[in-house]
Each structure stands twice: as structure tokens, then as C-alpha cells.
Amino acid sequence: MPHILGIDIGSAATKAVLLDREGRMITSATVPLGTGTRGTESVIRRLYQNSSVDSSDKILTVATGYGRMEYKKADFQLSEITCHAKGVKYLIPGVRTIIDIGGQDSKAIRVNENGAIQQFVMNDKCAAGTGRFLEVMSRVLEVDLPRLGEIDEQADKVAEISSTCTVFAESEVISRLSQGERIPNIVAGIHQSVARRVAGLAMRVGLEEQVVLTGGVAQNRGVVRALERELKVRLVIPPNPQITGALGAALAGLERCRRRKGNF
């Protein structure tokens, strides 16, 4: 079956999507290995193992994400802003604002009714407001990163974490622990800190509903609740919020193929 391969090579995970010639998703896969050939080749192997598609029928490969330039087998590379906008528009046609919280950066994108990008802003200079921030804090608290959302639900108040710097916030968390503060309350404070940072990005592009949250952090219900409180809107979460960049890359490849008359 002729198909397009889209790959999103992130700092914390590599994601991939296969699309058929009609633009239907055949399958997707995610491998938490980050950038580099090892993660990319691993996710591609898993992708084809999960489907009946023959890799020899691949027409085009498009790469995006933090490590896109490292994958030399791609036919071309695209920015993650472009790919996230395409992928989210495909899944949630009514989207106007996209918030993506990744392992190394976070971004806000505003699109028009046709999905064209109107404005975007990224936080790529600091770990605050990213998955990396949550990873550091989970280690300080000695809890598993995937359990943070569950632990947040046990909070009876939000323990304020005022610093937006990861290093200083780490010191604040240690101080809270030494003062006997409950871990769920500290986790709620950590999530609120992330939400404040990300909400600031969203407000800079001009918040407009529907607001869609993507990225691995979108699977953390504590962050989702905190961000909804900050923005005062209900967030839409795609069924698999990690793959929107890879999906957008595949869609861009499909568009290119369709422009080549008779080749797809």
C-alpha cells in the first residue's frame, strides 16, 4: 500500500505516523528515546510491526521536531510549528489556539478558520513550563513522573511554587518538603507553576477557542486542570496528543505528493 511516513523527533520521545494515499491514518507509534538515529529507527520498526503495510511501499518521509535535521533519510524537513498546526487541524477542525507542551519546549500557535498560522510564540530557552521541569520535580519528590496527575488529585490546597526558574523552583520544593508540606499539595503547586508559564505564552498569541492542548504533558490531568483554571477555558485534548506533529509532517508529505500529478 503506498503511504507517507511522518516523524516527529523530540527531545523526550520520537513519534511516527503512517498515512495512506487518501489521507487516512494507518497507524502511529511512540518511543521514549528522544533524538538521534536510535530513537528514530526504533519507532519506525515499531510502526511497521504494528501494521500490515510494507515499508518498501513508502513514497515519502517527512521529519519534524527538535531533532529533525539529524535524520538524514527524510526526503525533507519541516518546522514543528507548521506540522503541529496541520496535525491538530486534521484532528480538531474547529481549533483556533494550539498549546503544545513538549519535553524541551512549549509553544502556543493561533490559526484561522482554514488552519493557516496567524501567530506563534515558543519557550525554548528555559525548562520552566516544559516536560523537563516536571521530570526534575518528580525526581526531587521521588515519585514516578506518570503518577503526578494522580497525586495532584489528592491535594487539599495548592502549595505555591513562585519561581519560574527550574533551579530555584527545585530549592522551593525541597524547602516545602522540609517544612512538612504534603506531597500532593506540592505537586499541585508545581502544576500551577507550569500552567502560569504556559498560559502566558497562550495569551501572547491571543487566546481564541477552541483551544487544543497537545504534547506528552497533555496526558497529565493535573497540568490540564491547572491550565484550564489559568486560562478560564475548557481544553480539548486529542485522543493521542503526542502524535500531532508527526501527523502534520505526514500530511505535508501527502500534499507534496498530490502536487506531483500522477505520482500518487
C-alpha atoms as a PDB file:
ATOM      1  CA  MET A   1       0.000   0.000   0.000  1.00  0.00           C
ATOM      2  CA  PRO A   2       1.507   3.376  -0.994  1.00  0.00           C
ATOM      3  CA  HIS A   3       1.929   5.530   2.101  1.00  0.00           C
ATOM      4  CA  ILE A   4       3.604   8.578   3.650  1.00  0.00           C
ATOM      5  CA  LEU A   5       5.768   8.441   6.782  1.00  0.00           C
ATOM      6  CA  GLY A   6       5.796  11.410   9.162  1.00  0.00           C
ATOM      7  CA  ILE A   7       8.310  11.514  12.021  1.00  0.00           C
ATOM      8  CA  ASP A   8       8.473  13.937  14.950  1.00  0.00           C
ATOM      9  CA  ILE A   9      11.875  13.630  16.625  1.00  0.00           C
ATOM     10  CA  GLY A  10      11.508  15.233  20.034  1.00  0.00           C
ATOM     11  CA  SER A  11      13.833  15.646  22.990  1.00  0.00           C
ATOM     12  CA  ALA A  12      11.919  13.160  25.148  1.00  0.00           C
ATOM     13  CA  ALA A  13      10.227  10.877  22.602  1.00  0.00           C
ATOM     14  CA  THR A  14      10.135  10.095  18.907  1.00  0.00           C
ATOM     15  CA  LYS A  15       6.730   9.777  17.260  1.00  0.00           C
ATOM     16  CA  ALA A  16       5.751   8.475  13.828  1.00  0.00           C
ATOM     17  CA  VAL A  17       2.592   8.218  11.723  1.00  0.00           C
ATOM     18  CA  LEU A  18       1.698   6.397   8.502  1.00  0.00           C
ATOM     19  CA  LEU A  19      -0.894   7.917   6.157  1.00  0.00           C
ATOM     20  CA  ASP A  20      -2.422   6.216   3.131  1.00  0.00           C
ATOM     21  CA  ARG A  21      -2.984   7.961  -0.203  1.00  0.00           C
ATOM     22  CA  GLU A  22      -6.461   9.098   0.894  1.00  0.00           C
ATOM     23  CA  GLY A  23      -5.082  10.869   3.966  1.00  0.00           C
ATOM     24  CA  ARG A  24      -6.292   8.235   6.419  1.00  0.00           C
ATOM     25  CA  MET A  25      -4.068   7.316   9.352  1.00  0.00           C
ATOM     26  CA  ILE A  26      -2.909   3.720   9.083  1.00  0.00           C
ATOM     27  CA  THR A  27      -1.069   3.537  12.409  1.00  0.00           C
ATOM     28  CA  SER A  28       1.124   5.504  14.786  1.00  0.00           C
ATOM     29  CA  ALA A  29       3.869   4.739  17.288  1.00  0.00           C
ATOM     30  CA  THR A  30       5.783   6.488  20.056  1.00  0.00           C
ATOM     31  CA  VAL A  31       9.180   5.559  21.502  1.00  0.00           C
ATOM     32  CA  PRO A  32      10.523   7.429  24.566  1.00  0.00           C
ATOM     33  CA  LEU A  33      14.107   7.554  23.356  1.00  0.00           C
ATOM     34  CA  GLY A  34      14.449  11.168  22.288  1.00  0.00           C
ATOM     35  CA  THR A  35      16.595  12.463  19.473  1.00  0.00           C
ATOM     36  CA  GLY A  36      19.061  10.633  17.303  1.00  0.00           C
ATOM     37  CA  THR A  37      19.119   7.639  14.968  1.00  0.00           C
ATOM     38  CA  ARG A  38      18.448   5.099  17.712  1.00  0.00           C
ATOM     39  CA  GLY A  39      15.080   6.563  18.645  1.00  0.00           C
ATOM     40  CA  THR A  40      14.061   7.181  15.041  1.00  0.00           C
ATOM     41  CA  GLU A  41      14.916   3.727  13.742  1.00  0.00           C
ATOM     42  CA  SER A  42      13.230   2.149  16.760  1.00  0.00           C
ATOM     43  CA  VAL A  43       9.952   3.991  16.242  1.00  0.00           C
ATOM     44  CA  ILE A  44       9.949   3.160  12.521  1.00  0.00           C
ATOM     45  CA  ARG A  45      10.448  -0.552  13.264  1.00  0.00           C
ATOM     46  CA  ARG A  46       7.583  -0.468  15.748  1.00  0.00           C
ATOM     47  CA  LEU A  47       5.384   1.392  13.283  1.00  0.00           C
ATOM     48  CA  TYR A  48       5.686  -1.254  10.598  1.00  0.00           C
ATOM     49  CA  GLN A  49       5.433  -4.109  13.089  1.00  0.00           C
ATOM     50  CA  ASN A  50       2.069  -2.679  14.194  1.00  0.00           C
ATOM     51  CA  SER A  51       0.653  -2.644  10.662  1.00  0.00           C
ATOM     52  CA  SER A  52       0.367  -4.852   7.609  1.00  0.00           C
ATOM     53  CA  VAL A  53       1.992  -2.160   5.466  1.00  0.00           C
ATOM     54  CA  ASP A  54       5.218  -2.990   3.624  1.00  0.00           C
ATOM     55  CA  SER A  55       7.953  -0.422   4.185  1.00  0.00           C
ATOM     56  CA  SER A  56       9.028  -0.795   0.538  1.00  0.00           C
ATOM     57  CA  ASP A  57       5.761   0.911  -0.488  1.00  0.00           C
ATOM     58  CA  LYS A  58       6.752   4.130   1.272  1.00  0.00           C
ATOM     59  CA  ILE A  59       6.533   7.108  -1.092  1.00  0.00           C
ATOM     60  CA  LEU A  60       7.934   9.898   1.072  1.00  0.00           C
ATOM     61  CA  THR A  61       9.353  10.559   4.549  1.00  0.00           C
ATOM     62  CA  VAL A  62       8.953  13.928   6.263  1.00  0.00           C
ATOM     63  CA  ALA A  63      10.722  14.800   9.538  1.00  0.00           C
ATOM     64  CA  THR A  64       9.899  17.482  12.081  1.00  0.00           C
ATOM     65  CA  GLY A  65      10.684  18.251  15.699  1.00  0.00           C
ATOM     66  CA  TYR A  66      13.659  19.100  17.859  1.00  0.00           C
ATOM     67  CA  GLY A  67      15.977  16.613  16.145  1.00  0.00           C
ATOM     68  CA  ARG A  68      14.610  16.680  12.597  1.00  0.00           C
ATOM     69  CA  MET A  69      17.902  17.708  10.998  1.00  0.00           C
ATOM     70  CA  GLU A  70      19.626  14.636  12.462  1.00  0.00           C
ATOM     71  CA  TYR A  71      17.551  12.219  10.388  1.00  0.00           C
ATOM     72  CA  LYS A  72      19.259  12.156   7.003  1.00  0.00           C
ATOM     73  CA  LYS A  73      16.866   9.612   5.459  1.00  0.00           C
ATOM     74  CA  ALA A  74      13.975  12.082   5.381  1.00  0.00           C
ATOM     75  CA  ASP A  75      13.034  13.498   1.970  1.00  0.00           C
ATOM     76  CA  PHE A  76      12.547  16.889   3.595  1.00  0.00           C
ATOM     77  CA  GLN A  77      12.164  18.569   6.994  1.00  0.00           C
ATOM     78  CA  LEU A  78       9.521  20.992   8.246  1.00  0.00           C
ATOM     79  CA  SER A  79       9.263  23.163  11.354  1.00  0.00           C
ATOM     80  CA  GLU A  80       7.273  21.769  14.253  1.00  0.00           C
ATOM     81  CA  ILE A  81       5.055  24.874  14.266  1.00  0.00           C
ATOM     82  CA  THR A  82       3.833  24.100  10.753  1.00  0.00           C
ATOM     83  CA  CYS A  83       3.389  20.399  11.476  1.00  0.00           C
ATOM     84  CA  HIS A  84       1.541  20.824  14.765  1.00  0.00           C
ATOM     85  CA  ALA A  85      -0.881  23.250  13.118  1.00  0.00           C
ATOM     86  CA  LYS A  86      -1.579  20.788  10.281  1.00  0.00           C
ATOM     87  CA  GLY A  87      -1.917  17.794  12.568  1.00  0.00           C
ATOM     88  CA  VAL A  88      -4.255  19.468  15.061  1.00  0.00           C
ATOM     89  CA  LYS A  89      -6.442  20.978  12.314  1.00  0.00           C
ATOM     90  CA  TYR A  90      -6.852  17.479  10.840  1.00  0.00           C
ATOM     91  CA  LEU A  91      -7.981  16.055  14.200  1.00  0.00           C
ATOM     92  CA  ILE A  92      -9.902  19.052  15.609  1.00  0.00           C
ATOM     93  CA  PRO A  93     -11.255  21.108  12.665  1.00  0.00           C
ATOM     94  CA  GLY A  94     -12.587  23.877  14.917  1.00  0.00           C
ATOM     95  CA  VAL A  95      -9.213  24.631  16.534  1.00  0.00           C
ATOM     96  CA  ARG A  96      -8.124  28.274  16.835  1.00  0.00           C
ATOM     97  CA  THR A  97      -5.398  28.072  19.513  1.00  0.00           C
ATOM     98  CA  ILE A  98      -2.884  25.251  19.917  1.00  0.00           C
ATOM     99  CA  ILE A  99      -0.801  24.824  23.059  1.00  0.00           C
ATOM    100  CA  ASP A 100       1.928  22.211  22.851  1.00  0.00           C
ATOM    101  CA  ILE A 101       3.960  21.254  25.923  1.00  0.00           C
ATOM    102  CA  GLY A 102       6.922  19.107  24.955  1.00  0.00           C
ATOM    103  CA  GLY A 103       9.899  17.700  26.771  1.00  0.00           C
ATOM    104  CA  GLN A 104      12.226  20.586  25.971  1.00  0.00           C
ATOM    105  CA  ASP A 105       9.978  23.482  24.946  1.00  0.00           C
ATOM    106  CA  SER A 106       6.418  24.735  24.950  1.00  0.00           C
ATOM    107  CA  LYS A 107       4.644  26.698  22.248  1.00  0.00           C
ATOM    108  CA  ALA A 108       1.382  28.490  21.508  1.00  0.00           C
ATOM    109  CA  ILE A 109       0.002  28.813  17.983  1.00  0.00           C
ATOM    110  CA  ARG A 110      -3.053  30.725  16.776  1.00  0.00           C
ATOM    111  CA  VAL A 111      -4.624  29.642  13.487  1.00  0.00           C
ATOM    112  CA  ASN A 112      -7.523  30.968  11.403  1.00  0.00           C
ATOM    113  CA  GLU A 113     -10.607  29.024  10.315  1.00  0.00           C
ATOM    114  CA  ASN A 114      -8.613  27.452   7.460  1.00  0.00           C
ATOM    115  CA  GLY A 115      -5.786  26.330   9.744  1.00  0.00           C
ATOM    116  CA  ALA A 116      -3.321  28.941   8.475  1.00  0.00           C
ATOM    117  CA  ILE A 117      -0.884  30.122  11.167  1.00  0.00           C
ATOM    118  CA  GLN A 118      -1.622  33.660  12.353  1.00  0.00           C
ATOM    119  CA  GLN A 119       0.862  33.937  15.188  1.00  0.00           C
ATOM    120  CA  PHE A 120       3.066  31.735  17.351  1.00  0.00           C
ATOM    121  CA  VAL A 121       5.443  32.001  20.279  1.00  0.00           C
ATOM    122  CA  MET A 122       7.838  29.472  21.800  1.00  0.00           C
ATOM    123  CA  ASN A 123       9.516  28.983  25.150  1.00  0.00           C
ATOM    124  CA  ASP A 124      12.726  27.243  24.108  1.00  0.00           C
ATOM    125  CA  LYS A 125      15.306  28.992  26.308  1.00  0.00           C
ATOM    126  CA  CYS A 126      14.216  27.698  29.707  1.00  0.00           C
ATOM    127  CA  ALA A 127      12.937  24.382  31.045  1.00  0.00           C
ATOM    128  CA  ALA A 128      10.136  26.064  33.026  1.00  0.00           C
ATOM    129  CA  GLY A 129       6.759  25.216  31.545  1.00  0.00           C
ATOM    130  CA  THR A 130       8.020  22.031  29.866  1.00  0.00           C
ATOM    131  CA  GLY A 131       8.094  18.308  30.463  1.00  0.00           C
ATOM    132  CA  ARG A 132      11.698  18.637  31.606  1.00  0.00           C
ATOM    133  CA  PHE A 133      10.575  20.838  34.508  1.00  0.00           C
ATOM    134  CA  LEU A 134       8.104  18.158  35.628  1.00  0.00           C
ATOM    135  CA  GLU A 135      10.758  15.466  35.250  1.00  0.00           C
ATOM    136  CA  VAL A 136      13.171  17.354  37.527  1.00  0.00           C
ATOM    137  CA  MET A 137      10.467  17.967  40.146  1.00  0.00           C
ATOM    138  CA  SER A 138       9.340  14.329  40.132  1.00  0.00           C
ATOM    139  CA  ARG A 139      12.909  13.281  40.927  1.00  0.00           C
ATOM    140  CA  VAL A 140      13.099  15.763  43.805  1.00  0.00           C
ATOM    141  CA  LEU A 141       9.825  14.395  45.197  1.00  0.00           C
ATOM    142  CA  GLU A 142      10.900  10.795  44.490  1.00  0.00           C
ATOM    143  CA  VAL A 143       7.679   9.955  42.670  1.00  0.00           C
ATOM    144  CA  ASP A 144       7.189   8.487  39.197  1.00  0.00           C
ATOM    145  CA  LEU A 145       6.594  11.130  36.540  1.00  0.00           C
ATOM    146  CA  PRO A 146       3.423   9.447  35.122  1.00  0.00           C
ATOM    147  CA  ARG A 147       1.862   9.500  38.639  1.00  0.00           C
ATOM    148  CA  LEU A 148       1.992  13.294  39.081  1.00  0.00           C
ATOM    149  CA  GLY A 149      -1.515  13.812  37.705  1.00  0.00           C
ATOM    150  CA  GLU A 150      -2.937  11.146  40.007  1.00  0.00           C
ATOM    151  CA  ILE A 151      -1.129  12.571  43.050  1.00  0.00           C
ATOM    152  CA  ASP A 152      -2.421  16.071  42.230  1.00  0.00           C
ATOM    153  CA  GLU A 153      -6.000  14.802  42.739  1.00  0.00           C
ATOM    154  CA  GLN A 154      -5.200  14.156  46.427  1.00  0.00           C
ATOM    155  CA  ALA A 155      -4.257  17.790  47.129  1.00  0.00           C
ATOM    156  CA  ASP A 156      -6.349  19.789  49.615  1.00  0.00           C
ATOM    157  CA  LYS A 157      -4.610  23.055  48.683  1.00  0.00           C
ATOM    158  CA  VAL A 158      -2.049  24.398  46.252  1.00  0.00           C
ATOM    159  CA  ALA A 159       1.408  24.899  47.770  1.00  0.00           C
ATOM    160  CA  GLU A 160       2.688  27.975  45.947  1.00  0.00           C
ATOM    161  CA  ILE A 161       5.868  27.486  43.893  1.00  0.00           C
ATOM    162  CA  SER A 162       6.646  31.057  42.912  1.00  0.00           C
ATOM    163  CA  SER A 163       9.902  30.689  40.975  1.00  0.00           C
ATOM    164  CA  THR A 164       9.769  30.205  37.204  1.00  0.00           C
ATOM    165  CA  CYS A 165      13.400  29.043  37.136  1.00  0.00           C
ATOM    166  CA  THR A 166      13.862  25.272  37.375  1.00  0.00           C
ATOM    167  CA  VAL A 167      16.880  25.519  39.687  1.00  0.00           C
ATOM    168  CA  PHE A 168      15.177  27.929  42.117  1.00  0.00           C
ATOM    169  CA  ALA A 169      11.885  26.027  41.926  1.00  0.00           C
ATOM    170  CA  GLU A 170      13.764  22.861  42.888  1.00  0.00           C
ATOM    171  CA  SER A 171      15.037  24.663  46.004  1.00  0.00           C
ATOM    172  CA  GLU A 172      11.494  25.811  46.792  1.00  0.00           C
ATOM    173  CA  VAL A 173      10.178  22.263  46.552  1.00  0.00           C
ATOM    174  CA  ILE A 174      12.925  20.989  48.880  1.00  0.00           C
ATOM    175  CA  SER A 175      12.092  23.783  51.316  1.00  0.00           C
ATOM    176  CA  ARG A 176       8.380  22.889  51.216  1.00  0.00           C
ATOM    177  CA  LEU A 177       9.207  19.269  51.956  1.00  0.00           C
ATOM    178  CA  SER A 178      11.396  20.239  54.914  1.00  0.00           C
ATOM    179  CA  GLN A 179       8.502  22.318  56.270  1.00  0.00           C
ATOM    180  CA  GLY A 180       6.284  19.225  56.257  1.00  0.00           C
ATOM    181  CA  GLU A 181       4.033  20.201  53.350  1.00  0.00           C
ATOM    182  CA  ARG A 182       2.053  17.314  51.875  1.00  0.00           C
ATOM    183  CA  ILE A 183       3.443  15.982  48.573  1.00  0.00           C
ATOM    184  CA  PRO A 184       0.060  16.229  46.746  1.00  0.00           C
ATOM    185  CA  ASN A 185      -0.108  19.936  47.635  1.00  0.00           C
ATOM    186  CA  ILE A 186       3.430  20.478  46.351  1.00  0.00           C
ATOM    187  CA  VAL A 187       2.577  18.621  43.134  1.00  0.00           C
ATOM    188  CA  ALA A 188      -0.464  20.870  42.682  1.00  0.00           C
ATOM    189  CA  GLY A 189       1.838  23.865  43.137  1.00  0.00           C
ATOM    190  CA  ILE A 190       4.262  22.504  40.541  1.00  0.00           C
ATOM    191  CA  HIS A 191       1.423  22.047  38.066  1.00  0.00           C
ATOM    192  CA  GLN A 192       0.174  25.565  38.752  1.00  0.00           C
ATOM    193  CA  SER A 193       3.693  26.907  38.083  1.00  0.00           C
ATOM    194  CA  VAL A 194       3.780  25.146  34.697  1.00  0.00           C
ATOM    195  CA  ALA A 195       0.267  26.366  33.893  1.00  0.00           C
ATOM    196  CA  ARG A 196       1.130  30.004  34.670  1.00  0.00           C
ATOM    197  CA  ARG A 197       4.142  29.893  32.391  1.00  0.00           C
ATOM    198  CA  VAL A 198       2.272  28.232  29.522  1.00  0.00           C
ATOM    199  CA  ALA A 199      -0.811  30.445  29.935  1.00  0.00           C
ATOM    200  CA  GLY A 200       1.442  33.462  29.460  1.00  0.00           C
ATOM    201  CA  LEU A 201       2.507  32.101  26.069  1.00  0.00           C
ATOM    202  CA  ALA A 202      -1.093  31.463  25.045  1.00  0.00           C
ATOM    203  CA  MET A 203      -2.177  34.970  25.989  1.00  0.00           C
ATOM    204  CA  ARG A 204       0.630  36.458  23.905  1.00  0.00           C
ATOM    205  CA  VAL A 205      -0.729  34.909  20.691  1.00  0.00           C
ATOM    206  CA  GLY A 206      -4.297  35.970  21.506  1.00  0.00           C
ATOM    207  CA  LEU A 207      -6.367  33.191  23.067  1.00  0.00           C
ATOM    208  CA  GLU A 208      -9.305  32.058  20.942  1.00  0.00           C
ATOM    209  CA  GLU A 209     -11.457  28.951  21.351  1.00  0.00           C
ATOM    210  CA  GLN A 210     -11.346  26.060  20.556  1.00  0.00           C
ATOM    211  CA  VAL A 211      -8.115  25.660  22.498  1.00  0.00           C
ATOM    212  CA  VAL A 212      -6.326  22.360  21.923  1.00  0.00           C
ATOM    213  CA  LEU A 213      -3.573  21.033  24.195  1.00  0.00           C
ATOM    214  CA  THR A 214      -1.006  18.630  22.724  1.00  0.00           C
ATOM    215  CA  GLY A 215       2.297  17.039  23.711  1.00  0.00           C
ATOM    216  CA  GLY A 216       3.159  14.389  26.252  1.00  0.00           C
ATOM    217  CA  VAL A 217       2.318  16.708  29.158  1.00  0.00           C
ATOM    218  CA  ALA A 218      -1.307  16.810  27.928  1.00  0.00           C
ATOM    219  CA  GLN A 219      -1.614  13.318  29.435  1.00  0.00           C
ATOM    220  CA  ASN A 220      -1.075  14.809  32.908  1.00  0.00           C
ATOM    221  CA  ARG A 221      -4.564  15.654  34.179  1.00  0.00           C
ATOM    222  CA  GLY A 222      -3.139  17.851  36.939  1.00  0.00           C
ATOM    223  CA  VAL A 223      -1.493  20.160  34.407  1.00  0.00           C
ATOM    224  CA  VAL A 224      -4.675  20.168  32.304  1.00  0.00           C
ATOM    225  CA  ARG A 225      -6.803  21.227  35.277  1.00  0.00           C
ATOM    226  CA  ALA A 226      -4.308  23.910  36.333  1.00  0.00           C
ATOM    227  CA  LEU A 227      -4.085  25.311  32.807  1.00  0.00           C
ATOM    228  CA  GLU A 228      -7.867  25.390  32.462  1.00  0.00           C
ATOM    229  CA  ARG A 229      -8.045  27.408  35.679  1.00  0.00           C
ATOM    230  CA  GLU A 230      -5.400  29.851  34.439  1.00  0.00           C
ATOM    231  CA  LEU A 231      -6.957  30.322  31.007  1.00  0.00           C
ATOM    232  CA  LYS A 232     -10.605  30.036  32.132  1.00  0.00           C
ATOM    233  CA  VAL A 233     -11.398  27.846  29.119  1.00  0.00           C
ATOM    234  CA  ARG A 234     -12.048  24.162  28.597  1.00  0.00           C
ATOM    235  CA  LEU A 235      -9.148  22.499  26.809  1.00  0.00           C
ATOM    236  CA  VAL A 236      -9.659  19.964  24.035  1.00  0.00           C
ATOM    237  CA  ILE A 237      -7.239  17.023  24.203  1.00  0.00           C
ATOM    238  CA  PRO A 238      -6.800  14.846  21.085  1.00  0.00           C
ATOM    239  CA  PRO A 239      -7.034  11.063  21.637  1.00  0.00           C
ATOM    240  CA  ASN A 240      -3.246  10.762  21.255  1.00  0.00           C
ATOM    241  CA  PRO A 241      -1.845  14.235  21.980  1.00  0.00           C
ATOM    242  CA  GLN A 242       1.775  13.250  21.315  1.00  0.00           C
ATOM    243  CA  ILE A 243       1.452  12.414  17.628  1.00  0.00           C
ATOM    244  CA  THR A 244       0.087  15.681  16.198  1.00  0.00           C
ATOM    245  CA  GLY A 245       3.499  16.836  14.949  1.00  0.00           C
ATOM    246  CA  ALA A 246       4.213  13.516  13.202  1.00  0.00           C
ATOM    247  CA  LEU A 247       0.702  13.534  11.738  1.00  0.00           C
ATOM    248  CA  GLY A 248       1.212  17.068  10.418  1.00  0.00           C
ATOM    249  CA  ALA A 249       4.520  16.032   8.855  1.00  0.00           C
ATOM    250  CA  ALA A 250       2.820  13.141   7.064  1.00  0.00           C
ATOM    251  CA  LEU A 251       0.016  15.431   5.883  1.00  0.00           C
ATOM    252  CA  ALA A 252       2.586  17.867   4.462  1.00  0.00           C
ATOM    253  CA  GLY A 253       4.161  14.960   2.601  1.00  0.00           C
ATOM    254  CA  LEU A 254       0.772  13.927   1.246  1.00  0.00           C
ATOM    255  CA  GLU A 255       0.160  17.452  -0.043  1.00  0.00           C
ATOM    256  CA  ARG A 256       3.500  17.419  -1.838  1.00  0.00           C
ATOM    257  CA  CYS A 257       2.743  14.057  -3.440  1.00  0.00           C
ATOM    258  CA  ARG A 258      -0.643  15.247  -4.656  1.00  0.00           C
ATOM    259  CA  ARG A 259       1.026  18.205  -6.354  1.00  0.00           C
ATOM    260  CA  ARG A 260       3.121  15.746  -8.348  1.00  0.00           C
ATOM    261  CA  LYS A 261       0.484  14.769 -10.887  1.00  0.00           C
ATOM    262  CA  GLY A 262       0.195  11.058 -11.472  1.00  0.00           C
ATOM    263  CA  ASN A 263       2.819  10.079  -8.910  1.00  0.00           C
ATOM    264  CA  PHE A 264       0.496   9.163  -6.055  1.00  0.00           C
END
